[in-house]
C-alpha cells in the first residue's frame, strides 16, 4: 500500500522528467557561488540541497534559491511544496546558513537564517 494513499493520485499530471531534473541541475551549477547541487523529489515535496562557496552571503544564497525555484515549470510549482537547504563547508565543518520553504499556495519563500 502506498504511504501517501490517494494524495498523489494526480502526480503524473505534474511529473518532472529526468531530463528536466538534469537541466535544472546543470543550470544551478552554472550559477555564481554554487559548488554542488542535489535535487530530491518525494511525495509532493521537492528538496534543493545547494552547496555554496565560502564567499557566498545570505542574499546571494536567497537569489540562487529564487532562480532555482523559477526553473520549475509554473504548473508543477502549483502542485509541489519546495524546500531549500544551503550548505557551506569551511575547515571541514558543514554549516546550513539558510533554509527556505515555499508552500504550493504561498506567494513567496519563507526564510530561516541560522
Protein backbone atom coordinates (compact mmCIF):
# COMPACT_ATOMS: atom_id res chain seq x y z
CA UNK A 1 0.00 0.00 0.00
CA UNK A 2 1.26 3.48 -0.90
CA UNK A 3 2.25 5.54 2.17
CA UNK A 4 0.64 8.63 0.61
CA UNK A 5 -2.70 6.97 -0.08
CA UNK A 6 -4.77 8.89 -2.62
CA UNK A 7 -2.97 12.20 -2.04
CA UNK A 8 -0.68 11.53 -5.03
CA UNK A 9 -3.27 10.16 -7.42
CA UNK A 10 -2.75 13.09 -9.83
CA UNK A 11 1.06 13.23 -9.54
CA UNK A 12 1.54 12.01 -13.13
CA UNK A 13 -0.13 15.24 -14.31
CA UNK A 14 2.71 17.22 -12.67
CA UNK A 15 5.65 14.96 -13.41
CA UNK A 16 9.21 16.27 -13.55
CA UNK A 17 11.17 14.19 -16.04
CA UNK A 18 14.76 13.05 -15.55
CA UNK A 19 15.71 15.31 -18.47
CA UNK A 20 14.12 18.32 -16.73
CA UNK A 21 15.89 17.45 -13.47
CA UNK A 22 19.23 17.16 -15.29
CA UNK A 23 18.67 20.57 -16.90
CA UNK A 24 17.79 22.18 -13.55
CA UNK A 25 20.87 20.59 -12.01
CA UNK A 26 23.21 21.87 -14.73
CA UNK A 27 21.61 25.35 -14.74
CA UNK A 28 22.02 25.69 -10.97
CA UNK A 29 25.64 24.53 -11.12
CA UNK A 30 26.33 27.41 -13.52
CA UNK A 31 25.06 29.99 -11.00
CA UNK A 32 27.59 32.16 -9.23
CA UNK A 33 28.99 30.81 -5.90
CA UNK A 34 27.36 27.36 -6.34
CA UNK A 35 29.69 24.38 -5.80
CA UNK A 36 27.25 21.48 -5.90
CA UNK A 37 23.53 20.72 -6.03
CA UNK A 38 21.28 17.79 -5.25
CA UNK A 39 17.56 17.76 -6.05
CA UNK A 40 15.27 15.21 -4.45
CA UNK A 41 11.55 14.62 -5.01
CA UNK A 42 9.46 12.69 -2.52
CA UNK A 43 5.70 12.71 -2.49
CA UNK A 44 4.61 16.32 -3.09
CA UNK A 45 7.91 17.84 -1.95
CA UNK A 46 10.91 19.00 -3.96
CA UNK A 47 14.10 19.49 -1.94
CA UNK A 48 17.07 21.50 -3.18
CA UNK A 49 20.37 20.95 -1.37
CA UNK A 50 22.79 23.57 -2.67
CA UNK A 51 26.39 23.81 -1.55
CA UNK A 52 27.91 27.27 -1.84
CA UNK A 53 31.42 28.68 -1.86
CA UNK A 54 32.50 30.19 1.45
CA UNK A 55 32.31 33.65 -0.14
CA UNK A 56 28.52 33.41 -0.67
CA UNK A 57 26.48 35.68 1.57
CA UNK A 58 22.86 35.14 2.60
CA UNK A 59 21.47 37.49 -0.05
CA UNK A 60 23.34 35.62 -2.79
CA UNK A 61 22.06 32.29 -1.47
CA UNK A 62 18.48 33.57 -1.49
CA UNK A 63 18.91 34.82 -5.06
CA UNK A 64 20.15 31.40 -6.17
CA UNK A 65 17.22 29.73 -4.41
CA UNK A 66 14.76 32.07 -6.13
CA UNK A 67 16.38 31.44 -9.52
CA UNK A 68 16.32 27.68 -8.82
CA UNK A 69 12.63 27.84 -7.96
CA UNK A 70 11.91 29.64 -11.23
CA UNK A 71 13.45 26.73 -13.14
CA UNK A 72 10.44 24.62 -12.11
CA UNK A 73 7.60 24.79 -14.64
CA UNK A 74 4.78 27.01 -13.40
CA UNK A 75 2.09 24.31 -13.44
CA UNK A 76 4.39 21.99 -11.50
CA UNK A 77 5.02 24.71 -8.88
CA UNK A 78 1.29 24.70 -8.11
CA UNK A 79 1.48 21.02 -7.10
CA UNK A 80 4.65 20.73 -5.01
CA UNK A 81 5.92 22.29 -1.81
CA UNK A 82 9.59 23.20 -2.13
CA UNK A 83 12.37 23.36 0.46
CA UNK A 84 15.83 24.83 0.04
CA UNK A 85 18.86 23.92 2.11
CA UNK A 86 22.10 25.91 1.89
CA UNK A 87 25.34 24.15 2.72
CA UNK A 88 28.71 25.83 3.27
CA UNK A 89 31.81 23.85 4.18
CA UNK A 90 34.65 25.64 5.92
CA UNK A 91 37.54 23.99 7.78
CA UNK A 92 35.96 20.55 7.20
CA UNK A 93 32.79 21.67 9.01
CA UNK A 94 29.42 21.95 7.25
CA UNK A 95 27.00 24.71 8.19
CA UNK A 96 23.49 25.43 6.95
CA UNK A 97 23.18 29.24 6.95
CA UNK A 98 19.73 29.47 5.31
CA UNK A 99 16.74 27.19 4.92
CA UNK A 100 13.83 28.21 2.72
CA UNK A 101 10.31 26.82 2.42
CA UNK A 102 7.66 27.51 -0.20
CA UNK A 103 4.18 26.04 0.20
CA UNK A 104 2.50 25.49 -3.14
CA UNK A 105 -0.17 28.10 -2.30
CA UNK A 106 2.17 30.76 -0.88
CA UNK A 107 3.36 33.69 -2.96
CA UNK A 108 6.88 33.80 -1.54
CA UNK A 109 9.58 31.67 0.04
CA UNK A 110 9.78 31.80 3.84
CA UNK A 111 13.37 32.04 5.10
CA UNK A 112 15.05 30.87 8.28
CA UNK A 113 18.57 32.16 8.78
CA UNK A 114 20.76 30.23 11.21
